[in-house]
Amino acid sequence: MIKEINYDEDYSFSVTDLISKLKKEKQIDLNEEKYIVLRHLEKDKPYYFIRYPFNEISFKYIKIDGSSGEIILDKFLYHTE
């Protein structure tokens, strides 16, 4: 018998929803290679994390609630030397 694990169980806001939201609201196409998408549970709450280079000295960091799709954080981070 093989036990299946549903890694999407905690994420009622699906990856498909995430792709559509970012394309519509931020003009971000997550299918492009430059985007890094991670997901993680913090205190049992699901989140998506998106990071991508913005220019030579900074990158954009977006945190999205994996249940509601609400954008929790949207900011620039800067490379340190």
PDB file of N, CA and C in Angstrom:
ATOM      1  N   MET A   1       0.839  -1.170   0.000  1.00  0.00           N
ATOM      2  CA  MET A   1       0.000   0.000   0.000  1.00  0.00           C
ATOM      3  C   MET A   1       0.892   1.244   0.000  1.00  0.00           C
ATOM      4  N   ILE A   2       0.540   2.199  -0.818  1.00  0.00           N
ATOM      5  CA  ILE A   2       1.291   3.448  -0.920  1.00  0.00           C
ATOM      6  C   ILE A   2       0.471   4.563  -0.294  1.00  0.00           C
ATOM      7  N   LYS A   3       1.082   5.291   0.611  1.00  0.00           N
ATOM      8  CA  LYS A   3       0.400   6.417   1.242  1.00  0.00           C
ATOM      9  C   LYS A   3       0.667   7.672   0.419  1.00  0.00           C
ATOM     10  N   GLU A   4      -0.391   8.344   0.029  1.00  0.00           N
ATOM     11  CA  GLU A   4      -0.251   9.598  -0.714  1.00  0.00           C
ATOM     12  C   GLU A   4      -0.293  10.768   0.251  1.00  0.00           C
ATOM     13  N   ILE A   5       0.553  11.741  -0.006  1.00  0.00           N
ATOM     14  CA  ILE A   5       0.577  12.961   0.801  1.00  0.00           C
ATOM     15  C   ILE A   5       0.089  14.104  -0.067  1.00  0.00           C
ATOM     16  N   ASN A   6      -0.912  14.812   0.419  1.00  0.00           N
ATOM     17  CA  ASN A   6      -1.455  15.955  -0.311  1.00  0.00           C
ATOM     18  C   ASN A   6      -0.764  17.222   0.199  1.00  0.00           C
ATOM     19  N   TYR A   7       0.223  17.691  -0.543  1.00  0.00           N
ATOM     20  CA  TYR A   7       0.967  18.878  -0.132  1.00  0.00           C
ATOM     21  C   TYR A   7       0.167  20.163  -0.333  1.00  0.00           C
ATOM     22  N   ASP A   8      -0.942  20.085  -1.045  1.00  0.00           N
ATOM     23  CA  ASP A   8      -1.785  21.255  -1.288  1.00  0.00           C
ATOM     24  C   ASP A   8      -2.896  21.400  -0.255  1.00  0.00           C
ATOM     25  N   GLU A   9      -2.981  20.470   0.672  1.00  0.00           N
ATOM     26  CA  GLU A   9      -4.084  20.419   1.622  1.00  0.00           C
ATOM     27  C   GLU A   9      -4.319  21.746   2.359  1.00  0.00           C
ATOM     28  N   ASP A  10      -3.279  22.395   2.822  1.00  0.00           N
ATOM     29  CA  ASP A  10      -3.421  23.633   3.597  1.00  0.00           C
ATOM     30  C   ASP A  10      -3.596  24.874   2.727  1.00  0.00           C
ATOM     31  N   TYR A  11      -3.446  24.721   1.424  1.00  0.00           N
ATOM     32  CA  TYR A  11      -3.452  25.859   0.506  1.00  0.00           C
ATOM     33  C   TYR A  11      -4.765  25.922  -0.271  1.00  0.00           C
ATOM     34  N   SER A  12      -5.785  26.579   0.320  1.00  0.00           N
ATOM     35  CA  SER A  12      -7.054  26.720  -0.404  1.00  0.00           C
ATOM     36  C   SER A  12      -6.922  27.715  -1.556  1.00  0.00           C
ATOM     37  N   PHE A  13      -5.936  28.605  -1.496  1.00  0.00           N
ATOM     38  CA  PHE A  13      -5.589  29.490  -2.607  1.00  0.00           C
ATOM     39  C   PHE A  13      -4.525  28.743  -3.397  1.00  0.00           C
ATOM     40  N   SER A  14      -4.925  28.191  -4.528  1.00  0.00           N
ATOM     41  CA  SER A  14      -4.068  27.261  -5.272  1.00  0.00           C
ATOM     42  C   SER A  14      -2.944  27.961  -6.034  1.00  0.00           C
ATOM     43  N   VAL A  15      -2.028  27.165  -6.537  1.00  0.00           N
ATOM     44  CA  VAL A  15      -0.946  27.691  -7.370  1.00  0.00           C
ATOM     45  C   VAL A  15      -1.530  28.340  -8.621  1.00  0.00           C
ATOM     46  N   THR A  16      -2.571  27.739  -9.180  1.00  0.00           N
ATOM     47  CA  THR A  16      -3.244  28.326 -10.346  1.00  0.00           C
ATOM     48  C   THR A  16      -3.834  29.690  -9.997  1.00  0.00           C
ATOM     49  N   ASP A  17      -4.448  29.800  -8.812  1.00  0.00           N
ATOM     50  CA  ASP A  17      -4.977  31.089  -8.335  1.00  0.00           C
ATOM     51  C   ASP A  17      -3.846  32.103  -8.190  1.00  0.00           C
ATOM     52  N   LEU A  18      -2.721  31.652  -7.656  1.00  0.00           N
ATOM     53  CA  LEU A  18      -1.558  32.519  -7.454  1.00  0.00           C
ATOM     54  C   LEU A  18      -1.046  33.061  -8.787  1.00  0.00           C
ATOM     55  N   ILE A  19      -0.910  32.184  -9.773  1.00  0.00           N
ATOM     56  CA  ILE A  19      -0.443  32.595 -11.101  1.00  0.00           C
ATOM     57  C   ILE A  19      -1.376  33.638 -11.694  1.00  0.00           C
ATOM     58  N   SER A  20      -2.688  33.401 -11.605  1.00  0.00           N
ATOM     59  CA  SER A  20      -3.677  34.341 -12.158  1.00  0.00           C
ATOM     60  C   SER A  20      -3.646  35.682 -11.441  1.00  0.00           C
ATOM     61  N   LYS A  21      -3.582  35.647 -10.109  1.00  0.00           N
ATOM     62  CA  LYS A  21      -3.586  36.886  -9.324  1.00  0.00           C
ATOM     63  C   LYS A  21      -2.377  37.758  -9.656  1.00  0.00           C
ATOM     64  N   LEU A  22      -1.197  37.163  -9.670  1.00  0.00           N
ATOM     65  CA  LEU A  22       0.008  37.949  -9.920  1.00  0.00           C
ATOM     66  C   LEU A  22       0.063  38.465 -11.352  1.00  0.00           C
ATOM     67  N   LYS A  23      -0.456  37.695 -12.275  1.00  0.00           N
ATOM     68  CA  LYS A  23      -0.482  38.148 -13.668  1.00  0.00           C
ATOM     69  C   LYS A  23      -1.429  39.344 -13.811  1.00  0.00           C
ATOM     70  N   LYS A  24      -2.584  39.266 -13.157  1.00  0.00           N
ATOM     71  CA  LYS A  24      -3.599  40.321 -13.258  1.00  0.00           C
ATOM     72  C   LYS A  24      -3.221  41.574 -12.465  1.00  0.00           C
ATOM     73  N   GLU A  25      -2.793  41.395 -11.219  1.00  0.00           N
ATOM     74  CA  GLU A  25      -2.570  42.530 -10.324  1.00  0.00           C
ATOM     75  C   GLU A  25      -1.163  43.123 -10.394  1.00  0.00           C
ATOM     76  N   LYS A  26      -0.173  42.314 -10.723  1.00  0.00           N
ATOM     77  CA  LYS A  26       1.219  42.778 -10.677  1.00  0.00           C
ATOM     78  C   LYS A  26       1.944  42.649 -12.013  1.00  0.00           C
ATOM     79  N   GLN A  27       1.257  42.132 -13.039  1.00  0.00           N
ATOM     80  CA  GLN A  27       1.868  41.892 -14.355  1.00  0.00           C
ATOM     81  C   GLN A  27       3.107  41.002 -14.226  1.00  0.00           C
ATOM     82  N   ILE A  28       3.009  40.000 -13.371  1.00  0.00           N
ATOM     83  CA  ILE A  28       4.079  39.035 -13.144  1.00  0.00           C
ATOM     84  C   ILE A  28       3.656  37.696 -13.738  1.00  0.00           C
ATOM     85  N   ASP A  29       4.500  37.160 -14.605  1.00  0.00           N
ATOM     86  CA  ASP A  29       4.247  35.850 -15.196  1.00  0.00           C
ATOM     87  C   ASP A  29       5.152  34.835 -14.499  1.00  0.00           C
ATOM     88  N   LEU A  30       4.575  34.083 -13.575  1.00  0.00           N
ATOM     89  CA  LEU A  30       5.372  33.147 -12.785  1.00  0.00           C
ATOM     90  C   LEU A  30       5.960  32.009 -13.615  1.00  0.00           C
ATOM     91  N   ASN A  31       5.557  31.885 -14.857  1.00  0.00           N
ATOM     92  CA  ASN A  31       6.123  30.853 -15.724  1.00  0.00           C
ATOM     93  C   ASN A  31       7.497  31.242 -16.263  1.00  0.00           C
ATOM     94  N   GLU A  32       7.889  32.497 -16.077  1.00  0.00           N
ATOM     95  CA  GLU A  32       9.230  32.927 -16.487  1.00  0.00           C
ATOM     96  C   GLU A  32      10.254  32.420 -15.468  1.00  0.00           C
ATOM     97  N   GLU A  33      11.423  32.088 -15.951  1.00  0.00           N
ATOM     98  CA  GLU A  33      12.456  31.483 -15.103  1.00  0.00           C
ATOM     99  C   GLU A  33      12.995  32.386 -14.004  1.00  0.00           C
ATOM    100  N   LYS A  34      12.889  33.682 -14.151  1.00  0.00           N
ATOM    101  CA  LYS A  34      13.518  34.577 -13.167  1.00  0.00           C
ATOM    102  C   LYS A  34      12.805  34.589 -11.818  1.00  0.00           C
ATOM    103  N   TYR A  35      11.589  34.065 -11.757  1.00  0.00           N
ATOM    104  CA  TYR A  35      10.817  34.085 -10.514  1.00  0.00           C
ATOM    105  C   TYR A  35      11.090  32.843  -9.675  1.00  0.00           C
ATOM    106  N   ILE A  36      11.315  33.065  -8.397  1.00  0.00           N
ATOM    107  CA  ILE A  36      11.491  31.973  -7.448  1.00  0.00           C
ATOM    108  C   ILE A  36      10.236  31.941  -6.583  1.00  0.00           C
ATOM    109  N   VAL A  37       9.565  30.805  -6.556  1.00  0.00           N
ATOM    110  CA  VAL A  37       8.341  30.659  -5.772  1.00  0.00           C
ATOM    111  C   VAL A  37       8.557  29.540  -4.758  1.00  0.00           C
ATOM    112  N   LEU A  38       8.330  29.875  -3.503  1.00  0.00           N
ATOM    113  CA  LEU A  38       8.423  28.901  -2.416  1.00  0.00           C
ATOM    114  C   LEU A  38       7.121  28.942  -1.640  1.00  0.00           C
ATOM    115  N   ARG A  39       6.868  27.904  -0.905  1.00  0.00           N
ATOM    116  CA  ARG A  39       5.730  27.950   0.006  1.00  0.00           C
ATOM    117  C   ARG A  39       6.133  27.301   1.308  1.00  0.00           C
ATOM    118  N   HIS A  40       5.512  27.795   2.376  1.00  0.00           N
ATOM    119  CA  HIS A  40       5.967  27.397   3.704  1.00  0.00           C
ATOM    120  C   HIS A  40       4.843  27.639   4.699  1.00  0.00           C
ATOM    121  N   LEU A  41       4.777  26.799   5.724  1.00  0.00           N
ATOM    122  CA  LEU A  41       3.835  27.015   6.819  1.00  0.00           C
ATOM    123  C   LEU A  41       4.544  27.781   7.925  1.00  0.00           C
ATOM    124  N   GLU A  42       3.940  28.879   8.360  1.00  0.00           N
ATOM    125  CA  GLU A  42       4.443  29.648   9.501  1.00  0.00           C
ATOM    126  C   GLU A  42       3.368  29.626  10.568  1.00  0.00           C
ATOM    127  N   LYS A  43       3.669  29.023  11.693  1.00  0.00           N
ATOM    128  CA  LYS A  43       2.688  28.873  12.773  1.00  0.00           C
ATOM    129  C   LYS A  43       1.406  28.252  12.230  1.00  0.00           C
ATOM    130  N   ASP A  44       1.563  27.216  11.436  1.00  0.00           N
ATOM    131  CA  ASP A  44       0.466  26.450  10.826  1.00  0.00           C
ATOM    132  C   ASP A  44      -0.372  27.238   9.829  1.00  0.00           C
ATOM    133  N   LYS A  45       0.107  28.391   9.380  1.00  0.00           N
ATOM    134  CA  LYS A  45      -0.573  29.149   8.327  1.00  0.00           C
ATOM    135  C   LYS A  45       0.231  29.025   7.039  1.00  0.00           C
ATOM    136  N   PRO A  46      -0.458  28.756   5.916  1.00  0.00           N
ATOM    137  CA  PRO A  46       0.256  28.589   4.646  1.00  0.00           C
ATOM    138  C   PRO A  46       0.560  29.923   3.965  1.00  0.00           C
ATOM    139  N   TYR A  47       1.759  30.033   3.420  1.00  0.00           N
ATOM    140  CA  TYR A  47       2.165  31.238   2.690  1.00  0.00           C
ATOM    141  C   TYR A  47       2.929  30.855   1.435  1.00  0.00           C
ATOM    142  N   TYR A  48       2.803  31.709   0.424  1.00  0.00           N
ATOM    143  CA  TYR A  48       3.643  31.650  -0.766  1.00  0.00           C
ATOM    144  C   TYR A  48       4.648  32.790  -0.665  1.00  0.00           C
ATOM    145  N   PHE A  49       5.857  32.543  -1.118  1.00  0.00           N
ATOM    146  CA  PHE A  49       6.901  33.560  -1.152  1.00  0.00           C
ATOM    147  C   PHE A  49       7.419  33.652  -2.580  1.00  0.00           C
ATOM    148  N   ILE A  50       7.409  34.847  -3.124  1.00  0.00           N
ATOM    149  CA  ILE A  50       7.886  35.074  -4.488  1.00  0.00           C
ATOM    150  C   ILE A  50       9.048  36.048  -4.414  1.00  0.00           C
ATOM    151  N   ARG A  51      10.124  35.706  -5.100  1.00  0.00           N
ATOM    152  CA  ARG A  51      11.300  36.579  -5.128  1.00  0.00           C
ATOM    153  C   ARG A  51      11.829  36.625  -6.552  1.00  0.00           C
ATOM    154  N   TYR A  52      12.221  37.840  -6.965  1.00  0.00           N
ATOM    155  CA  TYR A  52      12.810  37.969  -8.300  1.00  0.00           C
ATOM    156  C   TYR A  52      13.692  39.202  -8.359  1.00  0.00           C
ATOM    157  N   PRO A  53      14.726  39.156  -9.215  1.00  0.00           N
ATOM    158  CA  PRO A  53      15.604  40.316  -9.353  1.00  0.00           C
ATOM    159  C   PRO A  53      14.858  41.481  -9.983  1.00  0.00           C
ATOM    160  N   PHE A  54      15.050  42.656  -9.416  1.00  0.00           N
ATOM    161  CA  PHE A  54      14.412  43.854  -9.956  1.00  0.00           C
ATOM    162  C   PHE A  54      15.407  44.658 -10.788  1.00  0.00           C
ATOM    163  N   ASN A  55      16.589  44.825 -10.233  1.00  0.00           N
ATOM    164  CA  ASN A  55      17.684  45.476 -10.964  1.00  0.00           C
ATOM    165  C   ASN A  55      18.998  44.920 -10.406  1.00  0.00           C
ATOM    166  N   GLU A  56      20.098  45.572 -10.696  1.00  0.00           N
ATOM    167  CA  GLU A  56      21.399  45.038 -10.272  1.00  0.00           C
ATOM    168  C   GLU A  56      21.621  45.059  -8.763  1.00  0.00           C
ATOM    169  N   ILE A  57      20.916  45.925  -8.052  1.00  0.00           N
ATOM    170  CA  ILE A  57      21.165  46.043  -6.612  1.00  0.00           C
ATOM    171  C   ILE A  57      20.000  45.592  -5.732  1.00  0.00           C
ATOM    172  N   SER A  58      18.867  45.257  -6.319  1.00  0.00           N
ATOM    173  CA  SER A  58      17.724  44.900  -5.485  1.00  0.00           C
ATOM    174  C   SER A  58      16.888  43.788  -6.114  1.00  0.00           C
ATOM    175  N   PHE A  59      16.072  43.212  -5.259  1.00  0.00           N
ATOM    176  CA  PHE A  59      15.096  42.255  -5.750  1.00  0.00           C
ATOM    177  C   PHE A  59      13.775  42.495  -5.040  1.00  0.00           C
ATOM    178  N   LYS A  60      12.718  41.996  -5.621  1.00  0.00           N
ATOM    179  CA  LYS A  60      11.370  42.166  -5.090  1.00  0.00           C
ATOM    180  C   LYS A  60      11.010  40.913  -4.299  1.00  0.00           C
ATOM    181  N   TYR A  61      10.341  41.112  -3.174  1.00  0.00           N
ATOM    182  CA  TYR A  61       9.941  40.022  -2.295  1.00  0.00           C
ATOM    183  C   TYR A  61       8.457  40.183  -1.996  1.00  0.00           C
ATOM    184  N   ILE A  62       7.681  39.153  -2.279  1.00  0.00           N
ATOM    185  CA  ILE A  62       6.230  39.198  -2.066  1.00  0.00           C
ATOM    186  C   ILE A  62       5.831  37.982  -1.237  1.00  0.00           C
ATOM    187  N   LYS A  63       5.024  38.231  -0.206  1.00  0.00           N
ATOM    188  CA  LYS A  63       4.501  37.160   0.643  1.00  0.00           C
ATOM    189  C   LYS A  63       2.984  37.168   0.509  1.00  0.00           C
ATOM    190  N   ILE A  64       2.404  36.005   0.212  1.00  0.00           N
ATOM    191  CA  ILE A  64       0.967  35.905  -0.033  1.00  0.00           C
ATOM    192  C   ILE A  64       0.372  34.816   0.853  1.00  0.00           C
ATOM    193  N   ASP A  65      -0.762  35.132   1.471  1.00  0.00           N
ATOM    194  CA  ASP A  65      -1.484  34.177   2.300  1.00  0.00           C
ATOM    195  C   ASP A  65      -1.970  33.016   1.428  1.00  0.00           C
ATOM    196  N   GLY A  66      -1.624  31.800   1.788  1.00  0.00           N
ATOM    197  CA  GLY A  66      -1.995  30.624   1.009  1.00  0.00           C
ATOM    198  C   GLY A  66      -3.433  30.195   1.180  1.00  0.00           C
ATOM    199  N   SER A  67      -4.156  30.818   2.110  1.00  0.00           N
ATOM    200  CA  SER A  67      -5.575  30.517   2.291  1.00  0.00           C
ATOM    201  C   SER A  67      -6.459  31.520   1.573  1.00  0.00           C
ATOM    202  N   SER A  68      -6.148  32.803   1.735  1.00  0.00           N
ATOM    203  CA  SER A  68      -7.017  33.858   1.195  1.00  0.00           C
ATOM    204  C   SER A  68      -6.502  34.487  -0.094  1.00  0.00           C
ATOM    205  N   GLY A  69      -5.208  34.376  -0.358  1.00  0.00           N
ATOM    206  CA  GLY A  69      -4.622  35.047  -1.517  1.00  0.00           C
ATOM    207  C   GLY A  69      -4.258  36.495  -1.250  1.00  0.00           C
ATOM    208  N   GLU A  70      -4.413  36.936  -0.009  1.00  0.00           N
ATOM    209  CA  GLU A  70      -4.080  38.320   0.346  1.00  0.00           C
ATOM    210  C   GLU A  70      -2.569  38.532   0.293  1.00  0.00           C
ATOM    211  N   ILE A  71      -2.166  39.662  -0.285  1.00  0.00           N
ATOM    212  CA  ILE A  71      -0.751  40.017  -0.304  1.00  0.00           C
ATOM    213  C   ILE A  71      -0.397  40.584   1.068  1.00  0.00           C
ATOM    214  N   ILE A  72       0.467  39.898   1.774  1.00  0.00           N
ATOM    215  CA  ILE A  72       0.859  40.268   3.132  1.00  0.00           C
ATOM    216  C   ILE A  72       2.028  41.247   3.107  1.00  0.00           C
ATOM    217  N   LEU A  73       2.944  41.031   2.181  1.00  0.00           N
ATOM    218  CA  LEU A  73       4.157  41.836   2.115  1.00  0.00           C
ATOM    219  C   LEU A  73       4.564  41.989   0.660  1.00  0.00           C
ATOM    220  N   ASP A  74       4.959  43.191   0.292  1.00  0.00           N
ATOM    221  CA  ASP A  74       5.420  43.467  -1.072  1.00  0.00           C
ATOM    222  C   ASP A  74       6.481  44.555  -0.954  1.00  0.00           C
ATOM    223  N   LYS A  75       7.750  44.151  -0.977  1.00  0.00           N
ATOM    224  CA  LYS A  75       8.796  45.147  -0.755  1.00  0.00           C
ATOM    225  C   LYS A  75      10.058  44.803  -1.535  1.00  0.00           C
ATOM    226  N   PHE A  76      10.938  45.800  -1.602  1.00  0.00           N
ATOM    227  CA  PHE A  76      12.245  45.623  -2.216  1.00  0.00           C
ATOM    228  C   PHE A  76      13.251  45.252  -1.135  1.00  0.00           C
ATOM    229  N   LEU A  77      14.135  44.348  -1.465  1.00  0.00           N
ATOM    230  CA  LEU A  77      15.259  44.020  -0.605  1.00  0.00           C
ATOM    231  C   LEU A  77      16.520  44.303  -1.403  1.00  0.00           C
ATOM    232  N   TYR A  78      17.560  44.701  -0.716  1.00  0.00           N
ATOM    233  CA  TYR A  78      18.790  45.109  -1.387  1.00  0.00           C
ATOM    234  C   TYR A  78      19.921  44.147  -1.077  1.00  0.00           C
ATOM    235  N   HIS A  79      20.724  43.867  -2.085  1.00  0.00           N
ATOM    236  CA  HIS A  79      21.890  43.003  -1.911  1.00  0.00           C
ATOM    237  C   HIS A  79      22.893  43.706  -1.011  1.00  0.00           C
ATOM    238  N   THR A  80      23.511  42.942  -0.151  1.00  0.00           N
ATOM    239  CA  THR A  80      24.576  43.505   0.683  1.00  0.00           C
ATOM    240  C   THR A  80      25.911  43.059   0.118  1.00  0.00           C
ATOM    241  N   GLU A  81      26.895  43.870   0.331  1.00  0.00           N
ATOM    242  CA  GLU A  81      28.226  43.550  -0.209  1.00  0.00           C
ATOM    243  C   GLU A  81      28.975  42.604   0.689  1.00  0.00           C
TER     244      GLU A  81
END
